[in-house]
Protein backbone atom coordinates (compact mmCIF):
# COMPACT_ATOMS: atom_id res chain seq x y z
CA MET A 1 0.09 -0.43 0.46
CA LEU A 2 2.50 2.69 0.90
CA ASN A 3 4.34 1.70 -2.55
CA LYS A 4 0.98 2.71 -4.05
CA LEU A 5 0.58 5.89 -1.80
CA ALA A 6 4.35 6.86 -2.77
CA VAL A 7 3.55 6.51 -6.74
CA VAL A 8 0.22 8.72 -6.21
CA GLU A 9 2.30 11.73 -3.82
CA LYS A 10 5.08 11.72 -7.32
CA ARG A 11 2.13 11.98 -9.93
CA TYR A 12 0.77 14.59 -7.74
CA GLU A 13 3.89 16.81 -7.70
CA GLU A 14 3.97 16.40 -11.19
CA VAL A 15 0.53 17.47 -11.64
CA ASN A 16 1.45 20.67 -9.93
CA ALA A 17 4.45 21.21 -11.96
CA LEU A 18 2.78 20.84 -14.97
CA LEU A 19 -0.03 23.31 -14.02
CA CYS A 20 2.63 25.85 -13.38
CA SER A 21 3.94 25.42 -17.06
CA GLY A 22 3.01 28.09 -19.99
CA ASP A 23 2.47 25.41 -22.41
CA VAL A 24 -0.51 23.77 -19.95
CA ALA A 25 -1.60 27.43 -19.13
CA SER A 26 -2.43 28.20 -22.85
CA ASP A 27 -4.30 24.83 -23.51
CA MET A 28 -7.44 24.80 -21.92
CA GLN A 29 -8.77 21.43 -22.34
CA LYS A 30 -5.37 20.02 -20.81
CA TYR A 31 -5.62 22.68 -18.22
CA THR A 32 -9.28 21.33 -16.97
CA ALA A 33 -8.12 17.89 -16.91
CA LEU A 34 -5.20 18.29 -15.03
CA MET A 35 -6.93 20.28 -12.77
CA LYS A 36 -9.64 17.43 -12.37
CA GLU A 37 -7.12 14.89 -11.83
CA LEU A 38 -5.28 17.20 -9.01
CA LYS A 39 -8.96 17.26 -7.11
CA GLN A 40 -8.82 13.41 -6.96
CA LEU A 41 -5.82 13.16 -6.14
CA THR A 42 -5.76 15.60 -3.29
CA PRO A 43 -7.65 14.19 -1.06
CA THR A 44 -5.01 10.49 -0.67
CA VAL A 45 -1.74 12.82 -0.73
CA GLU A 46 -2.98 14.98 2.05
CA LYS A 47 -4.16 11.60 4.23
CA TYR A 48 -0.65 10.02 3.08
CA ARG A 49 1.17 12.89 4.11
CA GLU A 50 -0.61 12.94 7.63
CA TYR A 51 0.39 9.19 8.05
CA LYS A 52 3.96 9.93 6.99
CA ALA A 53 3.91 12.79 9.85
CA ALA A 54 2.11 10.19 12.58
CA GLU A 55 4.87 7.60 11.44
CA SER A 56 7.49 10.10 12.14
CA ALA A 57 6.35 11.08 15.48
CA PHE A 58 6.02 7.18 16.16
CA ASN A 59 9.51 6.27 15.42
CA GLU A 60 10.94 9.62 17.34
CA ALA A 61 9.03 8.47 20.19
CA LYS A 62 9.88 4.91 19.93
CA MET A 63 13.68 5.94 19.78
CA MET A 64 13.48 7.90 22.77
CA LEU A 65 11.74 5.24 24.40
CA ASP A 66 14.24 2.73 23.34
CA GLU A 67 17.02 4.47 24.35
CA GLY A 68 16.04 5.62 27.92
CA GLY A 69 17.09 7.73 30.63
CA LEU A 70 14.14 9.83 30.47
CA ASP A 71 12.74 11.19 34.02
CA LYS A 72 9.14 9.78 34.98
CA ASP A 73 7.46 12.64 33.80
CA PHE A 74 9.00 13.04 30.53
CA ARG A 75 8.89 9.55 29.85
CA GLU A 76 4.99 9.63 30.17
CA MET A 77 4.32 12.43 27.89
CA VAL A 78 6.68 10.65 25.38
CA GLU A 79 4.90 7.30 26.19
CA GLU A 80 1.43 9.44 25.28
CA GLU A 81 2.67 10.40 22.41
CA TYR A 82 4.12 7.30 21.09
CA LYS A 83 0.32 5.79 22.09
CA GLN A 84 -1.21 8.53 19.76
CA ALA A 85 0.68 8.26 16.73
CA LYS A 86 0.12 4.66 17.34
CA GLU A 87 -3.41 4.93 17.06
CA ASP A 88 -3.09 7.69 14.27
CA MET A 89 -1.36 5.68 12.06
CA GLU A 90 -4.12 2.67 11.99
CA THR A 91 -6.73 5.20 11.95
CA PHE A 92 -5.14 6.64 8.68
CA THR A 93 -3.83 3.26 7.30
CA GLU A 94 -7.80 2.50 6.95
CA GLU A 95 -8.56 5.89 5.47
CA LEU A 96 -6.00 5.31 3.13
CA LYS A 97 -7.07 1.62 1.87
CA ILE A 98 -10.80 3.51 1.05
CA LEU A 99 -9.11 6.02 -0.44
CA LEU A 100 -7.05 3.80 -2.81
CA LEU A 101 -10.14 1.93 -4.04
CA PRO A 102 -10.79 2.20 -7.73
CA ARG A 103 -13.03 5.15 -7.93
CA ASP A 104 -15.67 5.15 -10.62
CA PRO A 105 -15.08 8.03 -12.88
CA ASN A 106 -18.48 8.63 -13.47
CA ASP A 107 -19.06 9.74 -9.62
CA ASP A 108 -18.55 13.57 -10.27
CA ARG A 109 -21.08 14.11 -13.08
CA ASN A 110 -23.80 15.41 -13.42
CA VAL A 111 -27.06 13.01 -13.86
CA ILE A 112 -30.37 11.82 -16.04
CA VAL A 113 -32.84 10.42 -13.57
CA GLU A 114 -35.67 8.53 -15.87
CA ILE A 115 -38.94 7.73 -13.51
CA ARG A 116 -41.59 5.29 -14.87
CA GLY A 117 -45.06 4.08 -13.81
CA GLY A 118 -44.79 0.36 -13.54
CA ALA A 119 -47.49 -1.98 -12.31
CA GLY A 120 -50.65 -0.41 -10.85
CA GLY A 121 -52.03 2.21 -13.17
CA GLU A 122 -52.90 5.71 -11.78
CA GLU A 123 -51.81 4.48 -8.23
CA SER A 124 -47.96 3.81 -9.89
CA ALA A 125 -47.97 7.16 -11.61
CA LEU A 126 -48.77 9.11 -8.73
CA PHE A 127 -45.91 7.14 -6.97
CA ALA A 128 -44.02 8.25 -9.77
CA TYR A 129 -45.02 11.60 -8.69
CA ASP A 130 -43.58 11.13 -5.01
CA LEU A 131 -40.72 9.90 -6.11
CA TYR A 132 -39.88 13.01 -8.36
CA ARG A 133 -41.19 15.13 -5.76
CA MET A 134 -38.41 13.46 -3.11
CA TYR A 135 -35.31 13.29 -5.71
CA SER A 136 -36.13 17.04 -6.35
CA MET A 137 -36.09 18.08 -2.48
CA TYR A 138 -33.23 15.62 -1.83
CA ALA A 139 -31.14 17.38 -4.53
CA GLU A 140 -32.30 20.83 -3.37
CA THR A 141 -30.67 19.98 -0.01
CA LYS A 142 -27.35 18.87 -1.60
CA GLY A 143 -27.32 22.39 -3.40
CA PHE A 144 -28.19 20.87 -7.22
CA LYS A 145 -30.48 21.91 -9.77
CA ILE A 146 -32.87 20.43 -11.46
CA GLU A 147 -34.12 20.62 -14.92
CA VAL A 148 -36.87 18.74 -16.71
CA LEU A 149 -36.16 17.04 -19.87
CA ASN A 150 -39.06 15.35 -20.67
CA LEU A 151 -42.50 14.68 -18.86
CA ASN A 152 -45.86 12.80 -19.78
CA GLU A 153 -48.62 13.42 -16.67
CA THR A 154 -51.74 11.68 -16.22
CA GLU A 155 -55.34 13.63 -15.47
CA LEU A 156 -54.96 12.69 -12.23
CA GLY A 157 -51.56 14.57 -11.04
CA GLY A 158 -49.59 11.40 -11.56
CA ILE A 159 -46.40 10.93 -13.93
CA LYS A 160 -46.52 7.84 -16.47
CA GLU A 161 -42.52 9.33 -17.10
CA ILE A 162 -40.05 11.76 -16.58
CA SER A 163 -36.92 12.57 -17.19
CA PHE A 164 -34.81 15.50 -15.31
CA MET A 165 -31.25 16.78 -15.32
CA ILE A 166 -29.41 16.62 -11.75
CA ASN A 167 -26.68 19.39 -11.95
CA GLY A 168 -24.12 19.38 -9.46
CA GLU A 169 -20.65 18.15 -8.86
CA GLY A 170 -21.04 14.70 -6.87
CA ALA A 171 -24.65 14.32 -8.01
CA TYR A 172 -23.79 10.70 -9.49
CA SER A 173 -22.17 9.68 -6.26
CA ARG A 174 -25.28 10.30 -4.54
CA PHE A 175 -27.84 8.91 -7.23
CA LYS A 176 -26.29 6.13 -9.05
CA PHE A 177 -27.95 3.73 -6.32
CA GLU A 178 -31.34 4.83 -6.88
CA SER A 179 -31.49 2.46 -10.51
CA GLY A 180 -34.02 -0.51 -10.15
CA VAL A 181 -37.62 -0.99 -9.14
CA HIS A 182 -39.46 1.02 -5.96
CA ARG A 183 -42.32 -1.01 -4.47
CA VAL A 184 -44.85 1.08 -2.63
CA GLN A 185 -47.69 -0.65 -0.32
CA ARG A 186 -50.55 2.20 0.38
CA VAL A 187 -54.05 2.20 0.32
CA PRO A 188 -55.30 4.47 -2.79
CA GLU A 189 -57.28 7.14 -2.30
CA THR A 190 -59.79 6.18 -4.82
CA GLU A 191 -59.94 2.78 -2.81
CA SER A 192 -62.96 2.45 -0.93
CA GLY A 193 -62.52 -0.76 1.18
CA GLY A 194 -59.20 0.45 2.43
CA ARG A 195 -57.17 -2.23 1.15
CA ILE A 196 -53.49 -1.82 0.80
CA HIS A 197 -52.14 -2.16 -2.95
CA THR A 198 -48.95 -2.68 -4.09
CA SER A 199 -47.30 -0.84 -7.08
CA THR A 200 -44.27 -0.23 -8.50
CA VAL A 201 -42.29 2.53 -10.36
CA THR A 202 -38.94 2.24 -11.95
CA VAL A 203 -36.24 4.25 -11.58
CA ALA A 204 -33.09 4.57 -14.34
CA VAL A 205 -29.88 6.93 -13.17
CA LEU A 206 -27.99 8.18 -16.24
CA PRO A 207 -24.29 9.30 -16.20
CA GLU A 208 -24.44 12.64 -18.06
CA ALA A 209 -22.15 12.37 -21.42
CA GLU A 210 -20.30 14.92 -22.61
CA GLU A 211 -20.22 15.53 -26.59
CA VAL A 212 -16.82 15.35 -26.75
CA GLU A 213 -16.76 11.79 -24.95
CA PHE A 214 -19.46 10.20 -26.60
CA GLU A 215 -19.79 11.26 -30.15
CA LEU A 216 -23.29 10.36 -32.13
CA ASN A 217 -23.74 10.05 -36.18
CA GLU A 218 -26.18 12.12 -37.75
CA ALA A 219 -26.25 9.40 -39.86
CA ASP A 220 -27.57 6.95 -37.56
CA LEU A 221 -30.66 9.48 -36.02
CA ILE A 222 -34.11 9.89 -37.21
CA TYR A 223 -35.80 12.94 -35.78
CA GLU A 224 -39.61 13.28 -35.97
CA THR A 225 -41.93 15.83 -34.55
CA TYR A 226 -45.17 15.66 -33.10
CA ARG A 227 -48.04 17.54 -30.64
CA ALA A 228 -47.28 17.24 -27.36
CA SER A 229 -49.83 15.92 -25.42
CA GLY A 230 -50.38 16.60 -21.20
CA ALA A 231 -53.03 16.56 -18.72
CA GLY A 232 -55.27 18.88 -20.82
CA GLY A 233 -55.55 22.74 -20.46
CA GLN A 234 -53.06 24.88 -20.72
CA LYS A 235 -50.14 22.64 -20.49
CA VAL A 236 -51.23 21.74 -24.11
CA ASN A 237 -48.69 22.86 -26.48
CA LYS A 238 -50.83 22.60 -29.44
CA THR A 239 -47.61 23.13 -32.17
CA SER A 240 -45.80 20.06 -33.41
CA SER A 241 -42.91 21.24 -31.20
CA ALA A 242 -42.57 17.92 -29.57
CA VAL A 243 -39.27 15.88 -30.68
CA ARG A 244 -38.73 12.02 -31.21
CA VAL A 245 -34.99 11.09 -31.59
CA ILE A 246 -34.27 6.86 -32.87
CA HIS A 247 -31.20 5.66 -32.97
CA VAL A 248 -31.42 3.40 -35.78
CA PRO A 249 -28.37 0.66 -35.25
CA THR A 250 -29.78 0.04 -31.39
CA GLY A 251 -33.44 1.24 -31.78
CA THR A 252 -33.15 3.48 -28.56
CA VAL A 253 -35.83 6.18 -28.75
CA VAL A 254 -36.17 9.26 -26.42
CA GLU A 255 -38.99 11.93 -26.57
CA CYS A 256 -39.01 15.44 -25.20
CA GLN A 257 -41.77 17.83 -25.05
CA VAL A 258 -41.25 20.33 -22.19
CA GLU A 259 -40.26 23.52 -24.41
CA ARG A 260 -42.36 25.23 -26.78
CA SER A 261 -39.35 25.84 -29.46
CA GLN A 262 -38.49 22.58 -31.29
CA TYR A 263 -35.18 23.20 -31.55
CA GLN A 264 -34.95 23.19 -27.70
CA ASN A 265 -36.72 19.89 -27.59
CA LYS A 266 -34.48 18.47 -29.91
CA ASP A 267 -31.32 19.45 -28.08
CA ARG A 268 -32.69 17.90 -25.16
CA ALA A 269 -33.88 14.67 -26.56
CA THR A 270 -30.11 14.42 -28.38
CA GLU A 271 -28.82 14.87 -24.89
CA LEU A 272 -30.86 12.22 -23.16
CA LEU A 273 -30.23 10.04 -26.04
CA ARG A 274 -26.58 10.68 -25.66
CA ALA A 275 -26.62 9.76 -22.09
CA ARG A 276 -28.41 6.31 -22.44
CA LEU A 277 -26.48 5.30 -25.05
CA TYR A 278 -23.10 5.99 -22.85
CA ASN A 279 -24.96 4.52 -19.79
CA GLU A 280 -25.15 1.14 -21.90
CA GLU A 281 -21.26 1.47 -23.21
CA CYS A 282 -20.07 1.55 -19.75
CA ARG A 283 -22.43 -0.98 -18.64
CA LYS A 284 -21.03 -3.60 -21.12
CA GLN A 285 -17.48 -2.29 -20.57
CA GLN A 286 -18.11 -2.86 -16.46
CA GLU A 287 -19.46 -6.42 -17.15
CA SER A 288 -16.12 -7.13 -19.65
CA ILE A 289 -13.86 -6.04 -16.37
CA ASP A 290 -15.61 -8.37 -13.66
CA GLY A 291 -17.56 -10.53 -15.37
CA ALA A 292 -20.26 -12.18 -13.56
CA ARG A 293 -19.45 -10.39 -10.50
CA ARG A 294 -22.18 -8.70 -8.66
CA SER A 295 -21.98 -5.53 -5.69
CA GLN A 296 -23.96 -6.49 -2.48
CA VAL A 297 -26.01 -2.86 -3.17
CA GLY A 298 -27.16 -4.58 -6.64
CA THR A 299 -26.36 -3.87 -10.52
CA GLY A 300 -28.62 -1.05 -11.12
CA ASP A 301 -30.72 -3.24 -13.42
CA ARG A 302 -33.85 -1.60 -14.09
CA SER A 303 -35.52 -5.16 -13.08
CA GLU A 304 -34.21 -5.37 -9.85
CA LYS A 305 -36.59 -4.80 -6.81
CA ILE A 306 -34.35 -2.58 -4.47
CA ARG A 307 -36.92 -0.80 -2.14
CA THR A 308 -40.30 -0.85 -0.53
CA TYR A 309 -42.09 1.86 0.61
CA ASN A 310 -44.90 0.93 3.36
CA PHE A 311 -47.24 3.30 4.17
CA PRO A 312 -48.99 1.62 6.71
CA GLN A 313 -46.41 0.90 8.77
CA SER A 314 -44.31 4.01 8.02
CA ARG A 315 -41.72 1.85 6.62
CA VAL A 316 -38.74 2.12 3.80
CA SER A 317 -36.96 -1.16 3.39
CA ASP A 318 -33.72 -1.52 1.11
CA HIS A 319 -33.51 -4.92 -0.06
CA ARG A 320 -30.06 -5.14 -1.35
CA ILE A 321 -28.23 -3.92 2.19
CA GLY A 322 -31.30 -5.23 4.63
CA LEU A 323 -31.69 -1.79 5.43
CA THR A 324 -35.17 -0.74 7.57
CA LEU A 325 -36.01 2.32 8.53
CA TYR A 326 -39.09 3.63 9.81
CA LYS A 327 -39.45 7.28 8.82
CA LEU A 328 -41.08 7.24 5.53
CA ASP A 329 -42.56 10.67 5.25
CA ALA A 330 -39.15 12.23 5.94
CA ILE A 331 -37.62 10.37 3.05
CA LEU A 332 -40.28 11.33 0.93
CA ASN A 333 -39.53 14.81 2.04
CA GLY A 334 -36.31 13.99 0.74
CA ASP A 335 -34.15 13.11 3.76
CA LEU A 336 -32.04 10.61 1.75
CA ASP A 337 -28.94 10.39 3.41
CA GLU A 338 -29.34 7.45 5.56
CA VAL A 339 -30.13 5.92 3.17
CA ILE A 340 -27.73 6.66 0.39
CA ASP A 341 -24.76 6.97 3.17
CA ALA A 342 -25.72 3.26 3.44
CA LEU A 343 -25.53 2.06 0.48
CA ILE A 344 -22.43 3.83 -0.12
CA THR A 345 -20.77 2.71 2.94
CA ALA A 346 -21.77 -1.27 1.80
CA ASP A 347 -20.48 -0.48 -1.50
CA THR A 348 -17.29 0.36 -0.36
CA ALA A 349 -16.88 -2.67 1.92
CA GLU A 350 -18.06 -4.97 -1.10
CA LYS A 351 -14.83 -3.30 -3.05
CA MET A 352 -12.56 -3.82 -0.19
CA LYS A 353 -13.68 -7.32 0.38
CA ASN A 354 -13.01 -8.04 -3.67
CA GLU A 355 -9.46 -6.16 -3.16
CA THR A 356 -8.39 -8.40 -0.95
CA THR A 357 -9.61 -11.76 -2.70
């Protein structure tokens, strides 16, 4: 581990030197890439230097104790320094093990979240709205910004499907474990008999793909325009401004109708298409790297049931890590940190286990 850390520190110093050179300062693309790398290296290097300082203090205290000849009070002080430095080294070692784990290259990206009603008809659509509201409120607590890309509502205020961008540094790292099937158990308002119904909603979380990273070939795209649909009234756009984009090689279809301008809808639809195709490419690459290995917190497959929201018991259960919390209202109001932190901890533990096997 210490050899790896020495290499990381050396690269950190190289990047710092490059950033001070005139050649890099005049090349904005290279400068941006190096700044990003420096930011990623910094926490590890800072912790490594804390470890080295503790190690130095430990060695110095040990040498003084081995040599002997210390008076009682001074010896007690040195023994305390020795003990503290040893504890610090052990703490920093565990923290460094985590910092050295392979990092998800998408963690700092913006994300596109897609929510679709599943089994349960109108009740599913209403819960899809609840999830959109939950994610919106959580994003707000993190200082992220929400931008709706596509929306298909129902007459009763539910959502058949919605796609929205979450803009903010580290957005993907906080939302990436939300992909999958979310199940709700509650008594619908339209249920006169008071029976509990079970409905499902699917969520997909896609890292935003930059145009320079994933280039779309215009020859592979078919653009179609149509009249936007909605819940009725003033929300319906009377012109054919909605845009559908078809990626011929894969058959992937995306739509956008939230803007009044056909050109804006086209841009948003293309952005969403790029994210979906980039996400699929990343998934295939990951499968080729680790084969059939499955993370403890799941693969993010949309067909995988990941969480249940039980209204009668005010219970939220994440089935991937066996987490159950009795704070349904708070979670639906955006208090998601406890759930997401637990998922990140479980994922980190799984990665550490895989690193040692």
